[in-house]
């Protein structure tokens, strides 16, 4: 016996915010897996993976900037009034961290490639200017930061998914539905 679904009528993110969220979710998860594939192969597909990784990284950077502008302009739905203060703080801090990483990861990658003296070539032959001086030491530092933060980003994404499922399945408080279709 199936239960009737009750439509969600609470406050929600606007259509553009939801579109950007889910588009970026797909892009970022793809980016993490492309990055893993990139560093674990020496096959001919490596060059294509690198070009795709760079292109997707710049696309994510642009989308993140757009998303921040839209968020500042449109705001966000309020959290449930009965949400405990520690959960409110965790939600705020995790979102700040997610936005920071959405900006930092592409910039670190771009800076790393620039410091390595490599051209910042995207798909379709687009070449970006270097944003860091050629320096082996800087390349190493940026590479270490990029890889370390990639693992932190992956962990934060898992936490974000877990929190969304917690709101959808346990609390059933409308938080998940505010971003869902």
Foldseek 3Di string as FASTA:
>chain_A
DDDDDDDDDAAADDPVLLVLVVVLVVLLVVLLVLVVVLVVDPDPCNVVSLQANLQSLVVLQVSLVVNVVCCVVPPGGDDDPPDDPVVVVVVVVLVVLLSVCSNLLSVLVLQLCLLCVHWSAHPPGDTDDRPYHNDPVSNVVSVVVNVVVSVVNVVSVVVVVVVLCCCVPPVVRCPNVSSPD
